[in-house]
Amino acid sequence: MEVEAVQFERQYRTPYSEGYLLTDNDNTVGRLELHYAQTVVYCTLIVEEEMEEDDLLDLIQKADDELVTSAQVPREDFVVTVYQGKDLGVYSDDYFAEDDEEEDQT
């Protein structure tokens, strides 16, 4: 993953949080969620491939510069928890409703 090429595509926004897909040339490479508390911004960062620590720190800095700072919320600290994994799917009520319909038909 080329950190400079990573783009943040917002998926949702609430009064106290935001969620983003991380993309690199239209490929999803991770997810990032921001949660705004009184004076601390908490972040959960999930990357889909192994990264060197320097690149990971660059990605965190990029998120801070492009997302957190621009949110203009009071901030004394930015706490980031990082996970490495792969996307196994997105499940919603629609998915479960379709699954229930298929079961009813059998």
C-alpha atoms as a PDB file:
ATOM      1  CA  MET A   1       0.000   0.000   0.000  1.00  0.00           C
ATOM      2  CA  GLU A   2       1.389   3.360  -1.042  1.00  0.00           C
ATOM      3  CA  VAL A   3       0.461   5.701   1.842  1.00  0.00           C
ATOM      4  CA  GLU A   4       0.525   8.809  -0.360  1.00  0.00           C
ATOM      5  CA  ALA A   5      -2.049   7.232  -2.687  1.00  0.00           C
ATOM      6  CA  VAL A   6      -4.499   6.249   0.076  1.00  0.00           C
ATOM      7  CA  GLN A   7      -7.803   8.113  -0.079  1.00  0.00           C
ATOM      8  CA  PHE A   8     -10.419   8.338   2.665  1.00  0.00           C
ATOM      9  CA  GLU A   9     -13.976   7.706   1.432  1.00  0.00           C
ATOM     10  CA  ARG A  10     -16.519   8.613   4.085  1.00  0.00           C
ATOM     11  CA  GLN A  11     -19.137   5.922   4.683  1.00  0.00           C
ATOM     12  CA  TYR A  12     -21.043   7.586   7.516  1.00  0.00           C
ATOM     13  CA  ARG A  13     -21.084  10.537   9.867  1.00  0.00           C
ATOM     14  CA  THR A  14     -22.899  10.986  13.175  1.00  0.00           C
ATOM     15  CA  PRO A  15     -22.632  13.897  15.608  1.00  0.00           C
ATOM     16  CA  TYR A  16     -19.769  12.098  17.403  1.00  0.00           C
ATOM     17  CA  SER A  17     -18.223   9.702  14.897  1.00  0.00           C
ATOM     18  CA  GLU A  18     -17.215   9.099  11.297  1.00  0.00           C
ATOM     19  CA  GLY A  19     -16.329   5.983   9.329  1.00  0.00           C
ATOM     20  CA  TYR A  20     -14.144   5.760   6.242  1.00  0.00           C
ATOM     21  CA  LEU A  21     -13.025   3.206   3.694  1.00  0.00           C
ATOM     22  CA  LEU A  22      -9.337   3.442   2.854  1.00  0.00           C
ATOM     23  CA  THR A  23      -8.806   3.042  -0.867  1.00  0.00           C
ATOM     24  CA  ASP A  24      -5.784   2.886  -3.122  1.00  0.00           C
ATOM     25  CA  ASN A  25      -6.595   3.084  -6.848  1.00  0.00           C
ATOM     26  CA  ASP A  26     -10.203   1.928  -6.283  1.00  0.00           C
ATOM     27  CA  ASN A  27      -9.053  -1.027  -4.160  1.00  0.00           C
ATOM     28  CA  THR A  28     -10.215  -1.127  -0.553  1.00  0.00           C
ATOM     29  CA  VAL A  29      -7.152  -1.439   1.689  1.00  0.00           C
ATOM     30  CA  GLY A  30      -8.689  -0.796   5.098  1.00  0.00           C
ATOM     31  CA  ARG A  31     -11.190   0.988   7.300  1.00  0.00           C
ATOM     32  CA  LEU A  32     -10.932   3.828   9.768  1.00  0.00           C
ATOM     33  CA  GLU A  33     -13.417   4.898  12.413  1.00  0.00           C
ATOM     34  CA  LEU A  34     -13.185   8.123  14.398  1.00  0.00           C
ATOM     35  CA  HIS A  35     -15.017   8.723  17.669  1.00  0.00           C
ATOM     36  CA  TYR A  36     -15.028  12.226  19.097  1.00  0.00           C
ATOM     37  CA  ALA A  37     -15.111  12.407  22.904  1.00  0.00           C
ATOM     38  CA  GLN A  38     -14.861  15.556  25.052  1.00  0.00           C
ATOM     39  CA  THR A  39     -11.188  16.291  24.397  1.00  0.00           C
ATOM     40  CA  VAL A  40      -9.887  13.038  22.901  1.00  0.00           C
ATOM     41  CA  VAL A  41     -10.365  11.613  19.417  1.00  0.00           C
ATOM     42  CA  TYR A  42     -10.334   7.811  19.375  1.00  0.00           C
ATOM     43  CA  CYS A  43      -9.540   5.984  16.170  1.00  0.00           C
ATOM     44  CA  THR A  44      -9.832   2.353  15.133  1.00  0.00           C
ATOM     45  CA  LEU A  45      -7.689   1.671  12.085  1.00  0.00           C
ATOM     46  CA  ILE A  46      -7.900  -1.648  10.247  1.00  0.00           C
ATOM     47  CA  VAL A  47      -5.393  -2.310   7.483  1.00  0.00           C
ATOM     48  CA  GLU A  48      -5.696  -5.320   5.195  1.00  0.00           C
ATOM     49  CA  GLU A  49      -2.006  -5.863   4.580  1.00  0.00           C
ATOM     50  CA  GLU A  50       1.142  -5.879   6.643  1.00  0.00           C
ATOM     51  CA  MET A  51       2.784  -2.472   6.918  1.00  0.00           C
ATOM     52  CA  GLU A  52       6.126  -1.254   8.159  1.00  0.00           C
ATOM     53  CA  GLU A  53       5.734   0.848  11.316  1.00  0.00           C
ATOM     54  CA  ASP A  54       7.023   3.990   9.556  1.00  0.00           C
ATOM     55  CA  ASP A  55       4.359   3.608   6.844  1.00  0.00           C
ATOM     56  CA  LEU A  56       1.712   2.980   9.483  1.00  0.00           C
ATOM     57  CA  LEU A  57       2.765   6.137  11.328  1.00  0.00           C
ATOM     58  CA  ASP A  58       2.605   8.055   8.036  1.00  0.00           C
ATOM     59  CA  LEU A  59      -0.938   6.764   7.478  1.00  0.00           C
ATOM     60  CA  ILE A  60      -1.969   7.821  10.995  1.00  0.00           C
ATOM     61  CA  GLN A  61      -0.458  11.260  10.398  1.00  0.00           C
ATOM     62  CA  LYS A  62      -2.316  11.532   7.076  1.00  0.00           C
ATOM     63  CA  ALA A  63      -5.613  10.679   8.824  1.00  0.00           C
ATOM     64  CA  ASP A  64      -4.850  13.256  11.506  1.00  0.00           C
ATOM     65  CA  ASP A  65      -4.030  15.954   8.959  1.00  0.00           C
ATOM     66  CA  GLU A  66      -6.873  15.274   6.514  1.00  0.00           C
ATOM     67  CA  LEU A  67      -9.683  14.148   8.819  1.00  0.00           C
ATOM     68  CA  VAL A  68      -9.197  14.955  12.488  1.00  0.00           C
ATOM     69  CA  THR A  69      -7.697  18.420  12.199  1.00  0.00           C
ATOM     70  CA  SER A  70     -10.278  19.462   9.611  1.00  0.00           C
ATOM     71  CA  ALA A  71     -13.134  18.364  11.908  1.00  0.00           C
ATOM     72  CA  GLN A  72     -12.362  21.392  14.110  1.00  0.00           C
ATOM     73  CA  VAL A  73     -13.185  19.690  17.406  1.00  0.00           C
ATOM     74  CA  PRO A  74     -11.337  20.344  20.664  1.00  0.00           C
ATOM     75  CA  ARG A  75      -8.557  17.825  20.931  1.00  0.00           C
ATOM     76  CA  GLU A  76      -5.955  17.122  23.558  1.00  0.00           C
ATOM     77  CA  ASP A  77      -5.053  13.655  22.297  1.00  0.00           C
ATOM     78  CA  PHE A  78      -5.500  11.363  19.289  1.00  0.00           C
ATOM     79  CA  VAL A  79      -5.553   7.694  20.345  1.00  0.00           C
ATOM     80  CA  VAL A  80      -5.277   5.141  17.533  1.00  0.00           C
ATOM     81  CA  THR A  81      -5.795   1.391  17.878  1.00  0.00           C
ATOM     82  CA  VAL A  82      -4.523  -0.524  14.849  1.00  0.00           C
ATOM     83  CA  TYR A  83      -5.619  -3.950  13.632  1.00  0.00           C
ATOM     84  CA  GLN A  84      -4.410  -5.955  10.671  1.00  0.00           C
ATOM     85  CA  GLY A  85      -6.892  -8.258   8.993  1.00  0.00           C
ATOM     86  CA  LYS A  86      -9.048  -8.884   5.988  1.00  0.00           C
ATOM     87  CA  ASP A  87     -12.617  -7.923   5.185  1.00  0.00           C
ATOM     88  CA  LEU A  88     -14.869 -10.959   5.467  1.00  0.00           C
ATOM     89  CA  GLY A  89     -18.068  -9.170   4.476  1.00  0.00           C
ATOM     90  CA  VAL A  90     -20.672  -6.617   5.457  1.00  0.00           C
ATOM     91  CA  TYR A  91     -23.895  -7.860   6.988  1.00  0.00           C
ATOM     92  CA  SER A  92     -27.060  -5.819   7.443  1.00  0.00           C
ATOM     93  CA  ASP A  93     -30.764  -6.350   8.070  1.00  0.00           C
ATOM     94  CA  ASP A  94     -31.260  -6.772   4.305  1.00  0.00           C
ATOM     95  CA  TYR A  95     -28.837  -9.697   4.270  1.00  0.00           C
ATOM     96  CA  PHE A  96     -30.650 -11.460   7.109  1.00  0.00           C
ATOM     97  CA  ALA A  97     -34.068 -10.761   5.570  1.00  0.00           C
ATOM     98  CA  GLU A  98     -32.962 -12.378   2.303  1.00  0.00           C
ATOM     99  CA  ASP A  99     -31.594 -15.359   4.252  1.00  0.00           C
ATOM    100  CA  ASP A 100     -34.930 -15.725   6.111  1.00  0.00           C
ATOM    101  CA  GLU A 101     -36.844 -15.563   2.811  1.00  0.00           C
ATOM    102  CA  GLU A 102     -34.699 -18.344   1.358  1.00  0.00           C
ATOM    103  CA  GLU A 103     -35.336 -20.519   4.439  1.00  0.00           C
ATOM    104  CA  ASP A 104     -39.117 -19.905   4.172  1.00  0.00           C
ATOM    105  CA  GLN A 105     -39.072 -21.079   0.563  1.00  0.00           C
ATOM    106  CA  THR A 106     -37.510 -24.444   1.398  1.00  0.00           C
END
